[in-house]
N, C-alpha and C. Protein backbone atom coordinates (compact mmCIF):
# COMPACT_ATOMS: atom_id res chain seq x y z
N THR A 1 32.18 77.34 215.40
CA THR A 1 32.34 76.40 214.44
C THR A 1 33.14 76.50 213.32
N TYR A 2 33.70 75.65 212.98
CA TYR A 2 35.21 75.48 212.38
C TYR A 2 34.83 75.10 210.62
N ASP A 3 33.43 75.38 210.40
CA ASP A 3 33.15 75.24 208.75
C ASP A 3 33.15 75.90 207.96
N LYS A 4 33.78 75.48 206.73
CA LYS A 4 34.06 76.33 205.49
C LYS A 4 33.60 77.26 205.32
N PHE A 5 33.69 78.56 204.58
CA PHE A 5 32.88 79.53 204.51
C PHE A 5 31.48 79.11 203.86
N GLN A 6 31.66 78.19 202.08
CA GLN A 6 30.96 77.34 201.97
C GLN A 6 29.59 76.77 202.33
N ASP A 7 30.00 75.87 203.67
CA ASP A 7 29.33 75.26 204.48
C ASP A 7 28.50 75.80 205.02
N TYR A 8 28.69 77.27 205.24
CA TYR A 8 27.87 77.66 206.63
C TYR A 8 26.00 77.65 206.39
N THR A 9 25.82 76.91 207.03
CA THR A 9 23.94 77.38 206.98
C THR A 9 23.58 79.04 207.86
N PHE A 10 22.39 79.35 207.45
CA PHE A 10 22.23 80.71 207.45
C PHE A 10 21.81 80.66 209.00
N GLU A 11 21.28 79.30 209.70
CA GLU A 11 20.71 79.24 210.75
C GLU A 11 22.39 78.60 211.91
N GLU A 12 23.54 78.24 211.09
CA GLU A 12 24.19 78.20 212.29
C GLU A 12 25.09 79.75 212.27
N TRP A 13 24.98 80.56 211.36
CA TRP A 13 25.82 81.70 211.16
C TRP A 13 25.06 82.69 212.30
N ASN A 14 23.54 82.76 212.10
CA ASN A 14 22.87 83.93 213.05
C ASN A 14 22.62 83.28 214.37
N ASN A 15 22.85 82.20 214.57
CA ASN A 15 23.10 81.36 216.26
C ASN A 15 24.46 82.10 216.65
N ILE A 16 25.87 81.90 216.02
CA ILE A 16 26.71 82.67 216.06
C ILE A 16 27.13 84.21 216.45
N VAL A 17 26.25 84.92 215.28
CA VAL A 17 26.07 86.51 215.71
C VAL A 17 25.34 86.78 216.89
N ASN A 18 23.89 85.70 217.06
CA ASN A 18 23.07 86.15 217.85
C ASN A 18 23.91 85.92 219.62
N THR A 19 24.44 84.87 219.93
CA THR A 19 25.59 84.92 220.72
C THR A 19 26.42 85.75 220.77
N ASN A 20 27.28 85.82 219.88
CA ASN A 20 28.66 86.61 220.05
C ASN A 20 28.89 88.08 219.99
N LEU A 21 27.41 88.36 219.17
CA LEU A 21 27.38 89.78 218.92
C LEU A 21 26.04 90.93 219.32
N SER A 22 24.67 90.26 218.96
CA SER A 22 23.36 90.22 219.29
C SER A 22 23.69 90.60 220.99
N VAL A 23 23.63 89.68 221.72
CA VAL A 23 22.88 89.25 222.84
C VAL A 23 23.97 90.23 223.75
N PRO A 24 24.96 90.24 223.65
CA PRO A 24 25.64 91.46 223.77
C PRO A 24 25.53 92.88 223.74
N VAL A 25 25.30 93.01 222.87
CA VAL A 25 24.59 95.04 222.69
C VAL A 25 23.12 95.14 223.19
N PHE A 26 22.81 94.16 223.02
CA PHE A 26 20.92 94.26 223.84
C PHE A 26 21.18 93.99 225.01
N MET A 27 22.02 93.25 225.95
CA MET A 27 22.48 93.43 226.98
C MET A 27 22.68 94.59 227.46
N VAL A 28 23.99 95.38 227.24
CA VAL A 28 24.02 96.67 227.27
C VAL A 28 22.89 97.70 226.95
N LYS A 29 22.25 97.78 225.96
CA LYS A 29 20.99 98.57 225.63
C LYS A 29 20.23 98.52 227.14
N GLU A 30 19.93 97.26 227.62
CA GLU A 30 19.15 97.26 228.68
C GLU A 30 19.45 97.75 230.15
N PHE A 31 20.50 97.39 230.15
CA PHE A 31 21.53 98.09 231.53
C PHE A 31 21.64 99.29 230.84
N MET A 32 21.45 100.08 229.94
CA MET A 32 22.18 101.76 230.14
C MET A 32 21.82 102.57 230.81
N PRO A 33 20.26 102.19 230.87
CA PRO A 33 19.40 103.62 231.70
C PRO A 33 19.52 103.35 233.13
N VAL A 34 20.31 102.01 233.62
CA VAL A 34 20.02 102.03 235.20
C VAL A 34 21.75 102.11 235.75
N MET A 35 22.54 102.50 235.01
CA MET A 35 24.02 102.58 234.57
C MET A 35 24.63 103.60 235.43
N THR A 36 25.02 103.41 236.35
CA THR A 36 25.49 104.94 237.03
C THR A 36 26.74 105.61 236.97
N GLU A 37 26.94 106.71 236.80
CA GLU A 37 28.06 107.60 236.68
C GLU A 37 29.19 107.05 236.64
N GLY A 38 30.09 107.04 235.82
CA GLY A 38 31.36 106.31 236.20
C GLY A 38 31.65 105.21 236.05
N GLY A 39 30.51 104.35 235.17
CA GLY A 39 30.28 102.98 235.62
C GLY A 39 31.53 102.35 234.30
N ARG A 40 31.18 101.08 233.89
CA ARG A 40 32.38 100.42 232.95
C ARG A 40 31.42 99.34 232.29
N VAL A 41 31.82 99.33 230.93
CA VAL A 41 31.38 98.17 229.94
C VAL A 41 32.65 97.63 229.28
N LEU A 42 32.77 96.44 230.25
CA LEU A 42 33.77 95.75 229.09
C LEU A 42 33.16 94.50 228.30
N PHE A 43 33.89 94.37 227.01
CA PHE A 43 33.24 93.52 226.05
C PHE A 43 34.64 92.45 226.09
N MET A 44 34.22 91.27 226.09
CA MET A 44 35.25 90.18 225.73
C MET A 44 34.98 90.06 224.12
N GLY A 45 36.50 90.44 223.02
CA GLY A 45 36.35 90.72 221.75
C GLY A 45 37.32 89.22 221.66
N SER A 46 38.11 89.52 220.65
CA SER A 46 39.38 88.17 220.48
C SER A 46 40.40 88.86 219.20
N TYR A 47 41.41 88.28 219.45
CA TYR A 47 42.58 88.48 218.70
C TYR A 47 42.36 88.07 217.38
N ALA A 48 41.37 86.98 217.25
CA ALA A 48 40.89 86.89 215.76
C ALA A 48 39.51 87.68 215.23
N GLY A 49 39.57 88.73 216.39
CA GLY A 49 38.30 90.32 215.30
C GLY A 49 39.69 91.10 214.81
N GLN A 50 40.56 91.00 215.05
CA GLN A 50 41.77 91.81 214.99
C GLN A 50 42.74 90.98 213.23
N GLN A 51 42.74 89.86 213.67
CA GLN A 51 43.84 89.36 212.66
C GLN A 51 43.29 88.07 212.24
N ALA A 52 42.74 87.72 211.13
CA ALA A 52 42.19 86.38 210.72
C ALA A 52 42.77 85.08 210.87
N TYR A 53 42.35 84.36 211.25
CA TYR A 53 42.97 82.78 211.43
C TYR A 53 41.82 82.26 210.47
N SER A 54 42.54 81.10 210.20
CA SER A 54 41.86 79.87 209.23
C SER A 54 41.04 79.08 210.20
N SER A 55 40.38 79.10 211.42
CA SER A 55 39.62 78.49 211.77
C SER A 55 38.36 78.49 211.56
N SER A 56 37.92 79.81 212.31
CA SER A 56 36.46 80.02 212.19
C SER A 56 35.84 81.77 211.42
N LEU A 57 35.57 81.75 210.38
CA LEU A 57 35.23 82.87 210.00
C LEU A 57 34.10 83.93 210.66
N VAL A 58 33.10 83.41 210.61
CA VAL A 58 32.34 83.85 211.98
C VAL A 58 32.63 84.65 213.30
N TYR A 59 33.15 83.41 213.83
CA TYR A 59 33.71 83.66 215.01
C TYR A 59 34.77 85.49 214.83
N GLY A 60 35.34 85.54 214.02
CA GLY A 60 36.28 86.84 213.71
C GLY A 60 35.53 87.54 213.40
N VAL A 61 34.51 87.45 213.01
CA VAL A 61 33.92 88.58 212.07
C VAL A 61 33.04 89.25 213.20
N THR A 62 32.45 88.29 213.98
CA THR A 62 31.23 88.72 215.46
C THR A 62 32.35 89.48 216.01
N LYS A 63 33.70 88.87 216.41
CA LYS A 63 34.72 89.49 217.66
C LYS A 63 34.91 90.73 216.63
N ALA A 64 35.58 90.81 215.93
CA ALA A 64 35.63 92.42 215.00
C ALA A 64 34.64 93.25 215.27
N ALA A 65 33.54 93.21 215.17
CA ALA A 65 31.76 93.68 215.24
C ALA A 65 32.10 94.41 216.63
N ILE A 66 32.33 93.07 217.99
CA ILE A 66 32.51 93.78 219.08
C ILE A 66 33.46 94.69 219.37
N HIS A 67 34.44 94.55 218.52
CA HIS A 67 35.63 95.91 218.63
C HIS A 67 35.14 97.04 218.53
N PHE A 68 34.49 96.88 216.73
CA PHE A 68 34.12 98.18 216.70
C PHE A 68 32.62 98.71 217.34
N LEU A 69 32.06 98.02 217.45
CA LEU A 69 30.72 98.56 219.17
C LEU A 69 31.62 99.18 220.09
N THR A 70 32.92 98.72 220.29
CA THR A 70 33.56 99.16 221.63
C THR A 70 33.89 100.63 221.25
N LYS A 71 34.29 100.65 220.09
CA LYS A 71 34.74 102.25 220.03
C LYS A 71 33.59 103.08 219.72
N SER A 72 32.66 102.66 218.95
CA SER A 72 31.11 103.30 218.64
C SER A 72 30.52 103.75 219.71
N LEU A 73 30.25 102.91 221.09
CA LEU A 73 29.80 103.25 222.11
C LEU A 73 29.99 104.23 223.51
N VAL A 74 31.35 104.76 223.07
CA VAL A 74 32.22 105.62 223.70
C VAL A 74 30.99 106.81 223.87
N LYS A 75 30.52 107.14 222.73
CA LYS A 75 30.25 108.62 222.74
C LYS A 75 28.73 108.19 223.09
N GLU A 76 28.08 107.13 223.11
CA GLU A 76 26.83 107.01 223.66
C GLU A 76 26.69 107.20 225.28
N PHE A 77 27.67 106.70 225.61
CA PHE A 77 28.17 106.32 227.06
C PHE A 77 28.78 108.13 227.78
N GLU A 78 29.46 108.31 227.14
CA GLU A 78 30.15 109.49 227.25
C GLU A 78 29.15 110.67 228.57
N PRO A 79 28.00 110.97 227.94
CA PRO A 79 27.36 111.56 229.20
C PRO A 79 27.38 111.43 230.56
N LYS A 80 27.28 110.11 231.11
CA LYS A 80 27.13 109.80 232.04
C LYS A 80 28.82 109.42 232.48
N GLY A 81 30.07 109.58 231.49
CA GLY A 81 30.95 109.31 231.73
C GLY A 81 31.78 107.95 231.92
N ILE A 82 30.51 106.89 231.27
CA ILE A 82 31.06 105.67 231.53
C ILE A 82 32.16 105.45 230.31
N THR A 83 33.04 104.07 230.98
CA THR A 83 33.90 103.79 229.91
C THR A 83 33.18 102.29 229.21
N VAL A 84 34.31 102.47 228.16
CA VAL A 84 34.11 101.10 227.19
C VAL A 84 34.89 100.80 226.45
N ASN A 85 35.17 99.57 226.63
CA ASN A 85 36.59 98.85 226.29
C ASN A 85 36.52 97.67 226.27
N ALA A 86 37.35 96.65 225.42
CA ALA A 86 37.08 95.30 225.08
C ALA A 86 38.75 94.51 225.30
N ILE A 87 38.40 93.33 225.65
CA ILE A 87 40.01 92.79 225.54
C ILE A 87 39.90 91.64 224.42
N ALA A 88 40.60 91.36 223.92
CA ALA A 88 41.29 90.68 222.70
C ALA A 88 42.50 89.44 223.00
N PRO A 89 41.60 89.06 223.62
CA PRO A 89 42.74 87.29 224.14
C PRO A 89 42.93 87.02 222.56
N GLY A 90 44.05 86.01 222.66
CA GLY A 90 44.55 84.91 221.92
C GLY A 90 43.98 83.79 222.32
N PHE A 91 45.19 82.48 222.14
CA PHE A 91 44.44 81.23 222.61
C PHE A 91 44.64 81.47 224.14
N ILE A 92 44.09 81.22 224.72
CA ILE A 92 43.39 81.06 226.39
C ILE A 92 43.10 79.42 226.41
N GLN A 93 43.80 79.06 227.47
CA GLN A 93 43.46 77.74 228.08
C GLN A 93 42.01 77.29 228.51
N THR A 94 41.12 76.79 227.59
CA THR A 94 39.75 76.71 228.14
C THR A 94 39.27 75.46 227.48
N PRO A 95 37.94 74.88 228.46
CA PRO A 95 37.05 73.78 227.83
C PRO A 95 37.66 73.38 226.60
N TRP A 96 36.94 74.68 225.66
CA TRP A 96 36.63 74.57 224.29
C TRP A 96 37.87 73.52 223.60
N HIS A 97 38.92 74.09 224.24
CA HIS A 97 40.57 73.41 223.38
C HIS A 97 40.78 72.19 223.71
N GLU A 98 40.11 71.33 224.92
CA GLU A 98 40.28 70.34 225.06
C GLU A 98 40.38 69.05 224.19
N ASN A 99 39.71 69.46 223.29
CA ASN A 99 39.96 68.06 222.17
C ASN A 99 40.99 68.53 221.09
N ARG A 100 41.93 69.42 221.23
CA ARG A 100 43.07 70.05 220.00
C ARG A 100 43.63 68.39 220.53
N THR A 101 44.34 67.85 219.74
CA THR A 101 45.60 67.19 219.45
C THR A 101 46.44 68.10 219.87
N PRO A 102 47.51 67.23 220.56
CA PRO A 102 49.07 67.58 220.20
C PRO A 102 49.94 68.41 219.82
N GLU A 103 49.53 67.73 217.93
CA GLU A 103 50.15 68.59 217.03
C GLU A 103 49.45 69.65 216.59
N SER A 104 48.63 70.03 216.77
CA SER A 104 47.58 71.52 217.18
C SER A 104 48.04 72.24 218.05
N TYR A 105 48.35 72.18 219.16
CA TYR A 105 48.94 72.87 220.28
C TYR A 105 50.13 73.26 220.11
N GLU A 106 51.02 72.21 219.51
CA GLU A 106 52.59 72.90 219.04
C GLU A 106 52.52 73.01 217.67
N ARG A 107 51.91 73.06 216.94
CA ARG A 107 51.48 74.42 215.66
C ARG A 107 51.20 75.70 216.25
N ILE A 108 50.13 75.64 217.36
CA ILE A 108 49.59 76.84 217.84
C ILE A 108 50.84 77.48 218.75
N ASN A 109 51.58 76.98 219.46
CA ASN A 109 52.35 77.48 220.10
C ASN A 109 53.95 78.01 219.75
N ARG A 110 54.13 77.65 218.71
CA ARG A 110 55.22 78.00 217.52
C ARG A 110 55.02 79.26 217.22
N LYS A 111 53.61 79.52 217.31
CA LYS A 111 53.28 81.19 216.46
C LYS A 111 53.29 82.08 217.62
N ILE A 112 53.43 81.49 219.21
CA ILE A 112 53.14 82.42 220.16
C ILE A 112 54.42 82.80 220.85
N ALA A 113 54.93 83.95 220.93
CA ALA A 113 56.56 84.14 221.53
C ALA A 113 56.72 83.43 222.93
N LEU A 114 55.77 83.43 223.69
CA LEU A 114 55.72 82.86 225.13
C LEU A 114 56.04 81.34 225.05
N HIS A 115 55.42 80.69 223.96
CA HIS A 115 55.29 79.14 223.21
C HIS A 115 54.24 78.83 224.30
N ARG A 116 53.08 79.02 224.71
CA ARG A 116 52.13 78.36 225.40
C ARG A 116 50.71 79.26 225.41
N PHE A 117 49.74 78.26 225.62
CA PHE A 117 48.21 79.25 225.70
C PHE A 117 48.14 79.84 226.47
N GLY A 118 47.16 81.05 227.18
CA GLY A 118 47.19 81.85 228.00
C GLY A 118 46.05 80.99 228.97
N GLU A 119 46.38 81.60 230.07
CA GLU A 119 45.49 81.29 231.36
C GLU A 119 44.39 81.91 231.90
N ILE A 120 43.09 81.49 231.93
CA ILE A 120 42.01 82.13 232.08
C ILE A 120 42.23 83.53 233.34
N LYS A 121 43.36 83.07 234.08
CA LYS A 121 43.44 84.10 235.24
C LYS A 121 44.36 85.12 234.41
N ASP A 122 45.05 84.84 233.44
CA ASP A 122 45.65 85.69 232.84
C ASP A 122 44.97 86.94 232.16
N VAL A 123 43.42 86.09 231.67
CA VAL A 123 42.62 87.22 231.04
C VAL A 123 41.77 88.12 232.22
N ALA A 124 41.50 86.91 233.57
CA ALA A 124 40.98 88.03 234.43
C ALA A 124 41.61 89.00 235.04
N ASP A 125 43.27 88.52 235.16
CA ASP A 125 43.96 90.22 235.58
C ASP A 125 44.07 91.20 234.77
N MET A 126 43.75 91.17 233.81
CA MET A 126 43.63 92.34 232.37
C MET A 126 42.30 92.44 232.61
N ALA A 127 41.05 92.29 232.76
CA ALA A 127 39.88 92.80 232.84
C ALA A 127 40.11 93.52 234.53
N TYR A 128 40.72 93.35 235.52
CA TYR A 128 40.67 93.90 236.73
C TYR A 128 40.92 95.22 236.49
N SER A 129 42.67 95.35 235.73
CA SER A 129 43.33 96.17 235.11
C SER A 129 42.59 97.11 234.58
N ILE A 130 41.83 97.00 233.49
CA ILE A 130 41.33 97.93 232.90
C ILE A 130 39.60 98.18 233.96
N LEU A 131 39.26 97.48 234.60
CA LEU A 131 37.66 98.06 234.95
C LEU A 131 38.63 98.84 236.07
N THR A 132 39.75 99.09 236.86
CA THR A 132 40.05 99.75 237.56
C THR A 132 40.96 101.29 237.08
N ASN A 133 40.82 101.19 235.92
CA ASN A 133 41.68 102.16 234.86
C ASN A 133 40.58 103.27 235.15
N ASN A 134 40.61 104.52 235.21
CA ASN A 134 39.65 105.29 235.27
C ASN A 134 39.80 106.75 233.97
N TYR A 135 41.28 105.97 233.15
CA TYR A 135 41.51 106.71 232.05
C TYR A 135 41.51 106.10 230.88
N MET A 136 41.35 104.59 230.67
CA MET A 136 40.93 103.86 229.95
C MET A 136 39.47 103.93 229.22
N ASN A 137 39.54 104.43 228.20
CA ASN A 137 38.13 104.23 227.13
C ASN A 137 38.25 104.41 225.88
N GLY A 138 37.35 103.33 225.04
CA GLY A 138 37.45 102.86 223.86
C GLY A 138 38.47 102.25 223.35
N SER A 139 39.32 101.32 224.05
CA SER A 139 40.50 100.73 224.15
C SER A 139 40.31 99.19 223.58
N ILE A 140 40.89 98.70 222.61
CA ILE A 140 40.71 97.21 222.39
C ILE A 140 42.02 96.54 222.76
N VAL A 141 41.62 95.71 224.12
CA VAL A 141 43.42 95.09 224.69
C VAL A 141 43.62 93.88 224.06
N ASP A 142 44.98 93.82 223.58
CA ASP A 142 45.48 92.73 223.22
C ASP A 142 46.08 91.67 224.56
N ILE A 143 45.34 90.52 224.12
CA ILE A 143 46.08 89.80 225.42
C ILE A 143 46.75 88.27 224.32
N MET A 144 47.70 88.28 223.69
CA MET A 144 47.96 87.89 223.17
C MET A 144 49.57 86.83 222.79
N ALA A 145 50.42 87.30 224.18
CA ALA A 145 51.34 87.00 224.22
C ALA A 145 52.40 86.70 222.84
N GLY A 146 52.46 87.78 222.43
CA GLY A 146 53.12 87.97 220.89
C GLY A 146 53.03 87.21 220.04
N MET A 147 51.65 86.80 219.65
CA MET A 147 51.42 86.07 218.78
C MET A 147 51.24 86.27 217.67
N ILE A 148 52.07 85.75 216.57
CA ILE A 148 52.87 85.64 214.90
C ILE A 148 51.86 85.15 214.15
N ILE A 149 50.62 85.15 213.59
CA ILE A 149 49.95 84.86 212.93
C ILE A 149 50.55 83.77 211.37
N SER A 150 51.23 84.33 210.71
CA SER A 150 52.04 83.59 209.63
C SER A 150 53.31 82.96 210.09
N ASP A 151 53.39 81.20 209.96
CA ASP A 151 54.38 80.93 210.06
C ASP A 151 55.71 80.71 209.20
N LYS A 152 55.53 81.50 207.94
CA LYS A 152 55.87 81.59 207.09
C LYS A 152 57.25 82.18 207.02
N VAL A 153 58.46 81.66 207.36
CA VAL A 153 59.26 82.71 208.04
C VAL A 153 60.59 82.54 206.77
N GLN A 154 61.10 83.74 206.47
CA GLN A 154 62.11 83.62 205.65
C GLN A 154 63.53 83.97 206.26
N GLN A 155 64.35 83.70 205.88
CA GLN A 155 65.84 84.23 206.40
C GLN A 155 66.06 85.07 205.34
N LYS A 156 66.94 86.33 205.67
CA LYS A 156 67.79 87.40 204.78
C LYS A 156 68.71 87.97 205.71
N LYS A 157 69.52 88.19 204.77
CA LYS A 157 71.13 88.90 205.38
C LYS A 157 70.89 90.13 205.63
N ASN A 158 71.53 91.02 206.57
CA ASN A 158 71.22 92.06 206.37
C ASN A 158 72.77 92.91 206.00
N ILE A 159 72.73 93.97 206.17
CA ILE A 159 73.92 95.13 205.49
C ILE A 159 75.42 94.38 206.16
N SER A 160 75.31 94.26 207.34
CA SER A 160 76.59 93.66 207.90
C SER A 160 76.36 91.90 208.00
N GLY A 161 75.80 91.47 207.22
CA GLY A 161 75.61 89.91 206.89
C GLY A 161 75.42 89.14 207.93
N GLU A 162 74.85 89.85 208.82
CA GLU A 162 73.98 89.15 210.21
C GLU A 162 72.48 88.68 209.48
N LEU A 163 72.34 87.23 209.67
CA LEU A 163 71.29 86.11 209.59
C LEU A 163 69.61 86.80 210.04
N TRP A 164 68.76 87.58 209.63
CA TRP A 164 67.34 88.00 210.18
C TRP A 164 66.44 86.58 209.67
N GLN A 165 65.62 86.71 210.77
CA GLN A 165 64.30 86.12 210.54
C GLN A 165 63.24 86.95 210.07
N ILE A 166 62.60 86.47 209.14
CA ILE A 166 61.72 88.00 208.43
C ILE A 166 60.38 87.20 208.56
N GLY A 167 59.04 87.51 208.75
CA GLY A 167 58.09 87.10 208.89
C GLY A 167 57.35 87.63 207.36
N GLU A 168 56.38 87.15 206.58
CA GLU A 168 55.77 87.31 205.52
C GLU A 168 55.02 88.90 205.92
N LYS A 169 54.51 89.16 206.76
CA LYS A 169 54.37 90.48 206.77
C LYS A 169 55.30 91.62 206.75
N ASP A 170 56.22 91.45 207.73
CA ASP A 170 57.79 92.02 207.47
C ASP A 170 58.30 92.17 205.83
N MET A 171 58.20 91.20 205.34
CA MET A 171 58.48 90.97 203.45
C MET A 171 58.11 91.92 202.91
N GLY A 172 56.52 92.56 203.03
CA GLY A 172 56.15 94.00 202.22
C GLY A 172 56.63 95.11 202.91
N ILE A 173 57.07 95.54 203.98
CA ILE A 173 57.51 96.14 204.43
C ILE A 173 58.97 96.58 203.96
N LEU A 174 59.88 95.54 204.08
CA LEU A 174 60.94 95.54 203.21
C LEU A 174 61.17 96.13 201.83
N ARG A 175 60.07 95.03 201.00
CA ARG A 175 60.28 95.58 199.42
C ARG A 175 59.97 97.12 199.50
N ARG A 176 58.94 97.64 200.41
CA ARG A 176 58.61 98.96 200.23
C ARG A 176 60.33 99.74 200.41
N ASN A 177 60.57 99.53 201.28
CA ASN A 177 62.24 100.18 201.81
C ASN A 177 63.08 100.23 200.57
N THR A 178 62.87 99.13 200.37
CA THR A 178 64.18 98.87 198.86
C THR A 178 63.72 99.72 197.91
N ILE A 179 63.06 99.73 197.54
CA ILE A 179 62.61 100.34 196.22
C ILE A 179 62.21 101.49 197.10
N ARG A 180 61.82 102.10 197.53
CA ARG A 180 61.99 103.72 198.17
C ARG A 180 63.63 104.26 198.11
N ARG A 181 64.55 102.99 198.79
CA ARG A 181 65.93 103.56 198.75
C ARG A 181 66.71 103.26 197.24
N ARG A 182 66.05 102.69 196.40
CA ARG A 182 66.67 102.69 194.79
C ARG A 182 66.00 103.59 194.05
N ILE A 183 64.46 104.16 194.50
CA ILE A 183 64.20 105.52 193.84
C ILE A 183 64.97 106.73 194.39
N ALA A 184 65.18 106.79 195.62
CA ALA A 184 66.30 107.83 195.98
C ALA A 184 67.72 108.15 195.30
N ALA A 185 68.20 106.72 195.07
CA ALA A 185 69.46 106.61 194.28
C ALA A 185 69.78 106.91 193.19
N PHE A 186 68.36 106.91 192.61
CA PHE A 186 68.28 106.99 191.39
C PHE A 186 68.28 108.52 190.65
N PRO A 187 69.25 109.39 189.83
CA PRO A 187 69.24 110.85 189.29
C PRO A 187 68.21 111.15 188.89
N VAL A 188 67.45 112.42 189.32
CA VAL A 188 66.39 113.34 188.48
C VAL A 188 66.83 113.24 186.97
N LYS A 189 67.88 113.65 186.75
CA LYS A 189 68.10 113.83 185.46
C LYS A 189 67.81 112.58 184.50
N ASN A 190 67.68 111.65 185.19
CA ASN A 190 67.44 110.17 184.68
C ASN A 190 65.83 110.08 184.33
N MET A 191 65.13 111.15 184.76
CA MET A 191 63.49 110.25 184.95
C MET A 191 63.03 110.58 183.51
N ARG A 192 63.27 111.67 182.98
CA ARG A 192 62.92 112.18 181.12
C ARG A 192 62.54 110.42 180.21
């Protein structure tokens, strides 16, 4: 649902939490006693569970919970050597996106380094890779084609005069590094 936070009803919120979180939790709980040694659990998370989108709060919250569940269940399944991982896809072309406007696609594609939505096959291939990997455990695997959440880009010149494109997140790092350089250049005797 794309409702604003203030507009969610308890029933709406609960329905999505049950679908995206409670069903996977209790399904795995029921299968746990019959799972064989060396088995695999693979959850479907989402990049929205790692990076807040503006579209659906409850969806992102439930996917973040799936990611935490993935890491938390590693110890539960340790005695049987069962691995627990999750995939965190970004924008994947599914029927859910069929009603998007061309403008919406364009806006999202500008934020994706590959400038396109992923295909279901991309996620299926990643799932196969994870399920056949004997050492991967407790991992959340991003498959989001280099998605950049902020489209607020600033231009800065570096020391040699080259023009850089810097995203909003990078600006915080740049500011901290600039402050550190200024502090390091300030003589200690002037600190009184």
